[in-house]
Amino acid sequence: MKNYKLSGIISVAVMGLALMNFASCSEKKFKVNGTITQAKDSILYLENMSLSGPRTVDSVKLDESGNFEFSYKAAPAPEFYRLRIANQIVNIGVDSTETINVKAAYPTMSANYEVSGSEECAKIRELAYMQLALQNKVTAIANSNSLGVAAVEDSVAKVLDVYKNKVKMDYIFKEPMKAYAYYALFQTVQLGNANMLIFNPRSNKEDVKVFAAVATSWDTYFPEAERGLNLHNIAIEGMKNVRIAENNARQTISADKVQVAGLIDIALTDNHGRVRKLSDLKGKVVLLDFHAFAAEGSLKRIMMMREIYNKYHDRGLEIYQVSFDPEEHFWKTKTAALPWVSVWDENGTRSAVLSQYNVQTLPTFFLIDRNNTLQKRDAQIKDIDAEIQALL
């Protein structure tokens, strides 16, 4: 009996190992291989672009040939990865057990690479190249010395509209369940110091519809996917914000809020309990700053502004800083020792002021001349000292 039991246990153990080996062998995987030349001794990372940020899943030190191969378990829904050497990146979308081949040369692999074996990755490559071209156009417009604030905003908006319409029709609405449609939603463009989403799901009604279309498709095809749930939540929040913005827009703006020069006035309570109007600073050069003290890098920015204030305040510069932090006490604590005008908007990032000034990313600042005329926004300014001195 004892021998029988022992042999039975061994048999079960052997069967268990066999099942484990079978499961391991049958686990669905995708492969990424290829060649990155001119990168000898560089570390090439395969990173999963999770919702919480990049996560390294594998890496290899490249030899002179630059050949590499990664293998990793396939997710049940489309998932995103990237190949990275330092700050050079190739984005990859994976929706099955395909083998994706990438060829590139370092250090220009982000802007010049070949991909085969995956339609998803080929489409993502097209979108990445289109995004680079868009960025070049936006940068050229922002750097134009012949354009004022309004002209820059109008020109950038037109370029973005053309891009968005093409991407919507040719990529997103065509196959909203695909990884490249999801990827297109989160493309960004750099405008000055701000890196903003091309499709704005926070307050743009048409853009919210685009997010909702992809979210609905992912709900159908990948009902358990975390990314689909995330899209769903973004779309719902965007719809709510749009309704709030539309209700605000129905309220007529009083004539005394709009100056002859086109400046939209702001009247908010400062950290000493007094109502401060932006228009009351006429006669001074004003740095209008939209800020959030809870944001990363706030302290460094405040130190920079204090230096500017100390340098030019006696010559006629004033800073009018609007905080959009969610908590008033926190804002008062942060501004107690600041010498300039510090006001707080209790509506936070849903404030009508942000919409009126076309602010999509915090922080953002504008320069206003002595006549209350809006001159430039941060995206147009290369040398803040030179711009201030020109207005003083």
Protein backbone atom coordinates (compact mmCIF):
# COMPACT_ATOMS: atom_id res chain seq x y z
CA MET A 1 0.00 0.00 0.00
CA LYS A 2 2.79 2.38 0.87
CA ASN A 3 4.61 1.59 -2.34
CA TYR A 4 1.39 2.06 -4.27
CA LYS A 5 0.79 5.47 -2.74
CA LEU A 6 4.35 6.58 -3.43
CA SER A 7 4.20 5.54 -7.05
CA GLY A 8 0.84 7.25 -7.36
CA ILE A 9 2.26 10.51 -6.01
CA ILE A 10 5.19 10.27 -8.42
CA SER A 11 2.80 9.68 -11.30
CA VAL A 12 0.75 12.73 -10.34
CA ALA A 13 3.91 14.80 -10.00
CA VAL A 14 5.10 13.71 -13.44
CA MET A 15 1.70 14.53 -14.92
CA GLY A 16 1.83 17.93 -13.18
CA LEU A 17 5.23 18.70 -14.66
CA ALA A 18 4.04 17.59 -18.06
CA LEU A 19 1.02 19.88 -17.81
CA MET A 20 3.24 22.78 -16.69
CA ASN A 21 5.58 22.19 -19.62
CA PHE A 22 2.63 21.99 -21.98
CA ALA A 23 1.19 25.24 -20.61
CA SER A 24 4.57 26.92 -20.92
CA CYS A 25 5.02 25.75 -24.49
CA SER A 26 1.47 26.66 -25.46
CA GLU A 27 1.57 30.18 -23.95
CA LYS A 28 0.94 32.62 -26.74
CA LYS A 29 3.86 34.90 -27.44
CA PHE A 30 4.84 37.58 -29.89
CA LYS A 31 8.34 38.24 -31.14
CA VAL A 32 10.19 41.42 -32.00
CA ASN A 33 13.46 41.08 -33.84
CA GLY A 34 15.60 43.04 -36.23
CA THR A 35 18.71 45.14 -36.48
CA ILE A 36 19.71 48.48 -34.97
CA THR A 37 23.00 49.49 -36.58
CA GLN A 38 25.55 52.02 -35.31
CA ALA A 39 24.60 51.14 -31.73
CA LYS A 40 27.40 48.85 -30.56
CA ASP A 41 27.44 48.42 -26.75
CA SER A 42 24.14 50.31 -26.41
CA ILE A 43 21.34 48.82 -24.31
CA LEU A 44 18.16 48.21 -26.29
CA TYR A 45 15.05 48.01 -24.12
CA LEU A 46 11.70 46.44 -24.86
CA GLU A 47 9.23 48.39 -22.73
CA ASN A 48 5.53 47.85 -22.16
CA MET A 49 3.70 51.19 -22.38
CA SER A 50 1.28 50.44 -19.56
CA LEU A 51 -1.39 52.87 -18.37
CA SER A 52 0.85 53.71 -15.43
CA GLY A 53 3.91 54.39 -17.60
CA PRO A 54 6.78 52.54 -19.33
CA ARG A 55 7.77 49.18 -17.82
CA THR A 56 10.86 47.31 -18.95
CA VAL A 57 10.12 43.69 -19.90
CA ASP A 58 13.45 42.80 -21.53
CA SER A 59 16.73 44.30 -22.67
CA VAL A 60 19.85 43.37 -24.59
CA LYS A 61 23.30 44.85 -25.10
CA LEU A 62 23.82 45.22 -28.83
CA ASP A 63 26.98 44.00 -30.49
CA GLU A 64 28.52 45.35 -33.68
CA SER A 65 25.93 43.61 -35.86
CA GLY A 66 23.05 45.26 -34.00
CA ASN A 67 20.89 42.13 -34.23
CA PHE A 68 18.31 41.50 -31.50
CA GLU A 69 15.32 39.30 -30.69
CA PHE A 70 12.72 39.60 -27.95
CA SER A 71 9.89 37.21 -27.13
CA TYR A 72 7.08 38.05 -24.72
CA LYS A 73 3.63 36.81 -23.79
CA ALA A 74 0.79 38.15 -25.92
CA ALA A 75 -2.03 40.02 -24.19
CA PRO A 76 -5.69 39.13 -24.85
CA ALA A 77 -6.27 42.63 -26.27
CA PRO A 78 -4.08 44.99 -28.33
CA GLU A 79 -1.11 46.19 -26.29
CA PHE A 80 1.65 48.73 -26.76
CA TYR A 81 5.40 48.42 -26.48
CA ARG A 82 8.40 50.39 -27.56
CA LEU A 83 12.01 49.74 -28.48
CA ARG A 84 14.25 52.31 -26.82
CA ILE A 85 17.89 53.30 -26.81
CA ALA A 86 18.39 56.39 -24.62
CA ASN A 87 15.76 58.88 -25.93
CA GLN A 88 15.34 57.23 -29.34
CA ILE A 89 12.07 55.29 -29.56
CA VAL A 90 10.21 53.03 -31.98
CA ASN A 91 6.57 52.43 -30.99
CA ILE A 92 5.03 48.99 -31.51
CA GLY A 93 1.43 47.83 -31.36
CA VAL A 94 0.81 44.13 -30.77
CA ASP A 95 -2.56 42.46 -31.31
CA SER A 96 -1.61 38.81 -31.83
CA THR A 97 1.29 36.37 -31.85
CA GLU A 98 2.96 37.96 -34.85
CA THR A 99 6.68 38.36 -35.42
CA ILE A 100 7.56 42.02 -35.89
CA ASN A 101 10.80 42.95 -37.62
CA VAL A 102 12.37 46.37 -37.10
CA LYS A 103 15.36 47.83 -38.90
CA ALA A 104 16.88 51.18 -37.99
CA ALA A 105 20.11 53.03 -37.34
CA TYR A 106 21.03 54.79 -34.13
CA PRO A 107 20.81 57.68 -33.23
CA THR A 108 18.02 58.50 -35.71
CA MET A 109 15.84 55.43 -35.17
CA SER A 110 12.79 57.44 -34.03
CA ALA A 111 12.54 59.32 -37.31
CA ASN A 112 13.81 56.69 -39.71
CA TYR A 113 12.98 53.02 -39.28
CA GLU A 114 11.46 50.14 -41.24
CA VAL A 115 8.93 47.69 -39.85
CA SER A 116 7.42 44.52 -41.29
CA GLY A 117 5.31 41.58 -40.15
CA SER A 118 2.54 43.68 -38.62
CA GLU A 119 -0.09 45.89 -40.25
CA GLU A 120 -0.66 47.56 -36.88
CA CYS A 121 2.99 48.60 -36.62
CA ALA A 122 3.05 49.78 -40.23
CA LYS A 123 0.08 52.06 -39.51
CA ILE A 124 1.68 53.31 -36.28
CA ARG A 125 4.82 54.12 -38.29
CA GLU A 126 2.71 56.15 -40.74
CA LEU A 127 1.12 58.04 -37.86
CA ALA A 128 4.49 58.67 -36.21
CA TYR A 129 5.90 60.17 -39.42
CA MET A 130 2.78 62.30 -39.90
CA GLN A 131 3.13 63.51 -36.31
CA LEU A 132 6.74 64.58 -36.96
CA ALA A 133 5.66 66.56 -40.02
CA LEU A 134 2.86 68.19 -38.02
CA GLN A 135 5.30 69.15 -35.26
CA ASN A 136 7.57 70.85 -37.78
CA LYS A 137 4.65 72.92 -39.11
CA VAL A 138 3.49 73.95 -35.63
CA THR A 139 7.03 74.91 -34.58
CA ALA A 140 7.49 77.02 -37.71
CA ILE A 141 4.24 78.88 -37.02
CA ALA A 142 5.06 79.47 -33.34
CA ASN A 143 8.53 80.77 -34.22
CA SER A 144 7.26 83.22 -36.83
CA ASN A 145 8.12 86.79 -35.78
CA SER A 146 5.52 88.23 -38.15
CA LEU A 147 2.53 86.65 -36.38
CA GLY A 148 0.78 87.93 -33.27
CA VAL A 149 -0.87 85.79 -30.59
CA ALA A 150 -4.22 85.54 -32.36
CA ALA A 151 -2.64 84.76 -35.73
CA VAL A 152 -0.46 82.01 -34.24
CA GLU A 153 -3.43 80.42 -32.48
CA ASP A 154 -5.55 80.61 -35.62
CA SER A 155 -2.82 79.15 -37.84
CA VAL A 156 -2.00 76.33 -35.43
CA ALA A 157 -5.71 75.52 -35.04
CA LYS A 158 -6.12 75.24 -38.82
CA VAL A 159 -3.11 72.96 -39.19
CA LEU A 160 -4.36 70.76 -36.34
CA ASP A 161 -7.85 70.57 -37.85
CA VAL A 162 -6.47 69.33 -41.17
CA TYR A 163 -4.37 66.72 -39.38
CA LYS A 164 -7.19 65.57 -37.13
CA ASN A 165 -9.66 65.21 -40.00
CA LYS A 166 -7.23 63.03 -41.95
CA VAL A 167 -6.42 60.85 -38.95
CA LYS A 168 -10.09 60.49 -38.03
CA MET A 169 -11.16 59.35 -41.49
CA ASP A 170 -8.12 57.30 -42.55
CA TYR A 171 -7.17 55.67 -39.26
CA ILE A 172 -9.59 56.02 -36.33
CA PHE A 173 -13.08 55.72 -37.78
CA LYS A 174 -11.89 53.22 -40.39
CA GLU A 175 -11.02 50.53 -37.82
CA PRO A 176 -11.64 51.85 -34.29
CA MET A 177 -10.97 48.45 -32.71
CA LYS A 178 -7.37 48.43 -33.92
CA ALA A 179 -4.30 49.26 -31.86
CA TYR A 180 -3.29 52.04 -34.26
CA ALA A 181 -6.66 53.78 -33.77
CA TYR A 182 -6.05 53.80 -30.02
CA TYR A 183 -2.48 55.01 -30.59
CA ALA A 184 -3.73 57.91 -32.72
CA LEU A 185 -5.91 59.20 -29.88
CA PHE A 186 -2.91 59.88 -27.67
CA GLN A 187 -0.57 61.57 -30.12
CA THR A 188 0.80 64.88 -28.88
CA VAL A 189 2.26 68.08 -30.27
CA GLN A 190 4.72 70.42 -28.56
CA LEU A 191 3.70 74.09 -28.47
CA GLY A 192 6.23 76.16 -26.58
CA ASN A 193 6.83 74.43 -23.25
CA ALA A 194 3.50 72.62 -23.38
CA ASN A 195 3.11 69.08 -24.69
CA MET A 196 -0.59 68.75 -25.50
CA LEU A 197 -2.83 66.03 -26.90
CA ILE A 198 -3.76 66.61 -30.54
CA PHE A 199 -7.21 65.19 -29.80
CA ASN A 200 -8.43 66.96 -26.67
CA PRO A 201 -10.82 64.70 -24.73
CA ARG A 202 -11.17 67.17 -21.88
CA SER A 203 -13.31 69.87 -23.45
CA ASN A 204 -13.45 69.58 -27.27
CA LYS A 205 -16.86 68.21 -28.23
CA GLU A 206 -15.77 66.70 -31.55
CA ASP A 207 -12.65 65.16 -30.04
CA VAL A 208 -14.69 63.60 -27.24
CA LYS A 209 -16.80 61.91 -29.93
CA VAL A 210 -13.64 60.40 -31.41
CA PHE A 211 -12.61 58.96 -28.04
CA ALA A 212 -16.16 57.66 -27.54
CA ALA A 213 -16.10 55.89 -30.92
CA VAL A 214 -12.94 53.97 -30.07
CA ALA A 215 -14.17 53.30 -26.51
CA THR A 216 -17.42 51.82 -27.85
CA SER A 217 -15.53 49.60 -30.28
CA TRP A 218 -13.16 48.34 -27.59
CA ASP A 219 -16.13 47.69 -25.28
CA THR A 220 -17.46 45.37 -28.01
CA TYR A 221 -14.28 43.62 -29.13
CA PHE A 222 -12.28 43.64 -25.88
CA PRO A 223 -14.85 43.92 -23.05
CA GLU A 224 -12.37 42.99 -20.30
CA ALA A 225 -9.47 45.16 -21.49
CA GLU A 226 -8.19 47.74 -19.01
CA ARG A 227 -7.40 50.13 -21.85
CA GLY A 228 -10.97 49.95 -23.10
CA LEU A 229 -12.29 50.76 -19.64
CA ASN A 230 -9.87 53.68 -19.42
CA LEU A 231 -11.09 55.03 -22.77
CA HIS A 232 -14.68 54.65 -21.60
CA ASN A 233 -13.98 56.71 -18.47
CA ILE A 234 -12.15 59.41 -20.46
CA ALA A 235 -15.06 59.72 -22.88
CA ILE A 236 -17.64 59.99 -20.08
CA GLU A 237 -15.58 62.64 -18.25
CA GLY A 238 -15.15 64.56 -21.51
CA MET A 239 -18.88 64.53 -22.20
CA LYS A 240 -19.52 65.89 -18.72
CA ASN A 241 -16.97 68.68 -19.23
CA VAL A 242 -18.50 69.59 -22.59
CA ARG A 243 -21.94 69.93 -21.02
CA ILE A 244 -20.52 72.21 -18.32
CA ALA A 245 -18.69 74.32 -20.93
CA GLU A 246 -21.84 74.62 -23.06
CA ASN A 247 -23.83 75.77 -20.04
CA ASN A 248 -21.16 78.37 -19.26
CA ALA A 249 -21.16 79.56 -22.87
CA ARG A 250 -24.90 80.23 -22.71
CA GLN A 251 -24.24 82.83 -20.05
CA THR A 252 -23.63 86.14 -21.76
CA ILE A 253 -20.26 87.74 -21.04
CA SER A 254 -20.79 91.32 -19.87
CA ALA A 255 -19.49 94.02 -22.16
CA ASP A 256 -17.25 95.42 -19.44
CA LYS A 257 -15.26 92.16 -19.39
CA VAL A 258 -14.06 92.63 -22.96
CA GLN A 259 -11.63 95.45 -23.58
CA VAL A 260 -11.32 97.41 -26.82
CA ALA A 261 -7.94 95.74 -27.37
CA GLY A 262 -9.59 92.31 -27.25
CA LEU A 263 -8.30 91.38 -23.80
CA ILE A 264 -10.76 89.24 -21.84
CA ASP A 265 -10.75 90.55 -18.31
CA ILE A 266 -10.30 88.40 -15.23
CA ALA A 267 -11.69 89.40 -11.83
CA LEU A 268 -10.85 87.00 -8.99
CA THR A 269 -10.12 87.21 -5.27
CA ASP A 270 -6.46 87.34 -4.28
CA ASN A 271 -4.74 85.71 -1.32
CA HIS A 272 -5.51 88.78 0.84
CA GLY A 273 -9.26 88.64 0.19
CA ARG A 274 -9.42 91.48 -2.35
CA VAL A 275 -10.95 91.25 -5.82
CA ARG A 276 -8.22 91.93 -8.38
CA LYS A 277 -9.08 92.76 -11.99
CA LEU A 278 -6.55 92.12 -14.72
CA SER A 279 -7.63 95.28 -16.53
CA ASP A 280 -6.77 97.39 -13.48
CA LEU A 281 -3.10 96.79 -14.29
CA LYS A 282 -3.32 98.92 -17.43
CA GLY A 283 -0.20 101.05 -17.63
CA LYS A 284 2.03 98.16 -16.60
CA VAL A 285 3.57 95.33 -18.57
CA VAL A 286 1.86 92.19 -17.26
CA LEU A 287 2.98 88.60 -17.20
CA LEU A 288 -0.31 86.71 -17.00
CA ASP A 289 0.47 83.28 -15.60
CA PHE A 290 -1.91 80.30 -15.43
CA HIS A 291 -0.52 77.96 -12.80
CA ALA A 292 -1.12 74.93 -10.59
CA PHE A 293 1.06 74.74 -7.49
CA ALA A 294 0.35 71.04 -7.14
CA ALA A 295 1.89 70.33 -10.55
CA GLU A 296 5.36 68.86 -10.96
CA GLY A 297 8.02 71.53 -11.43
CA SER A 298 5.98 74.29 -9.76
CA LEU A 299 8.70 75.32 -7.31
CA LYS A 300 11.30 75.69 -10.04
CA ARG A 301 8.90 77.80 -12.10
CA ILE A 302 8.06 80.04 -9.13
CA MET A 303 11.77 80.63 -8.50
CA MET A 304 12.20 81.65 -12.14
CA MET A 305 9.25 84.05 -11.92
CA ARG A 306 10.56 85.55 -8.70
CA GLU A 307 13.84 86.30 -10.47
CA ILE A 308 11.97 87.98 -13.33
CA TYR A 309 9.80 89.94 -10.90
CA ASN A 310 12.79 91.18 -8.89
CA LYS A 311 14.56 92.22 -12.07
CA TYR A 312 11.77 94.17 -13.77
CA HIS A 313 9.08 95.09 -11.22
CA ASP A 314 10.61 98.50 -10.44
CA ARG A 315 10.57 99.28 -14.17
CA GLY A 316 6.85 98.59 -14.54
CA LEU A 317 6.35 94.80 -14.70
CA GLU A 318 3.58 93.09 -12.75
CA ILE A 319 2.73 89.42 -12.53
CA TYR A 320 -0.93 88.40 -12.39
CA GLN A 321 -0.96 84.73 -11.47
CA VAL A 322 -4.10 82.62 -11.60
CA SER A 323 -4.05 79.36 -9.65
CA PHE A 324 -6.29 76.46 -10.67
CA ASP A 325 -5.43 74.24 -7.71
CA PRO A 326 -8.46 72.36 -6.34
CA GLU A 327 -7.95 73.37 -2.70
CA GLU A 328 -8.02 77.02 -1.53
CA HIS A 329 -6.07 76.56 1.70
CA PHE A 330 -3.25 74.81 -0.15
CA TRP A 331 -3.09 77.71 -2.65
CA LYS A 332 -3.03 80.33 0.14
CA THR A 333 -0.20 78.50 1.86
CA LYS A 334 1.85 78.38 -1.33
CA THR A 335 1.30 82.07 -2.20
CA ALA A 336 1.58 83.68 1.25
CA ALA A 337 5.11 84.97 0.62
CA LEU A 338 4.77 85.84 -3.08
CA PRO A 339 5.03 89.58 -3.91
CA TRP A 340 2.87 89.66 -7.04
CA VAL A 341 -0.88 89.42 -7.64
CA SER A 342 -2.01 85.88 -6.78
CA VAL A 343 -5.64 84.95 -7.41
CA TRP A 344 -7.49 81.65 -7.24
CA ASP A 345 -10.15 80.23 -9.58
CA GLU A 346 -12.41 77.92 -7.58
CA ASN A 347 -13.59 76.20 -10.78
CA GLY A 348 -10.16 74.65 -11.24
CA THR A 349 -9.40 73.15 -14.64
CA ARG A 350 -13.06 73.51 -15.61
CA SER A 351 -12.77 77.29 -15.46
CA ALA A 352 -14.23 79.33 -18.31
CA VAL A 353 -11.07 81.45 -18.15
CA LEU A 354 -9.01 78.56 -19.52
CA SER A 355 -11.41 78.14 -22.43
CA GLN A 356 -11.50 81.86 -23.16
CA TYR A 357 -7.71 82.02 -23.32
CA ASN A 358 -7.48 78.71 -25.22
CA VAL A 359 -5.33 77.11 -22.53
CA GLN A 360 -5.10 73.33 -22.80
CA THR A 361 -2.04 72.68 -20.66
CA LEU A 362 -0.80 74.13 -17.36
CA PRO A 363 1.37 76.05 -16.77
CA THR A 364 0.98 78.66 -19.53
CA PHE A 365 1.76 82.37 -19.59
CA PHE A 366 1.03 85.45 -21.71
CA LEU A 367 2.65 88.88 -22.02
CA ILE A 368 0.38 91.94 -22.02
CA ASP A 369 1.60 95.44 -22.91
CA ARG A 370 0.90 98.70 -21.06
CA ASN A 371 -2.28 99.25 -23.11
CA ASN A 372 -3.88 95.99 -21.95
CA THR A 373 -3.16 94.39 -25.31
CA LEU A 374 -2.28 90.72 -25.41
CA GLN A 375 1.07 90.45 -27.20
CA LYS A 376 2.51 86.94 -27.00
CA ARG A 377 2.05 83.59 -25.31
CA ASP A 378 4.84 81.35 -24.07
CA ALA A 379 4.90 79.24 -27.23
CA GLN A 380 6.10 82.29 -29.21
CA ILE A 381 8.75 83.41 -26.74
CA LYS A 382 12.36 82.26 -27.00
CA ASP A 383 13.94 84.91 -24.75
CA ILE A 384 11.60 86.07 -21.96
CA ASP A 385 14.00 88.83 -20.82
CA ALA A 386 14.26 90.31 -24.31
CA GLU A 387 10.48 90.26 -24.77
CA ILE A 388 9.81 91.97 -21.42
CA GLN A 389 12.46 94.62 -22.04
CA ALA A 390 10.93 95.37 -25.44
CA LEU A 391 7.56 96.08 -23.79
CA LEU A 392 8.84 98.11 -20.84
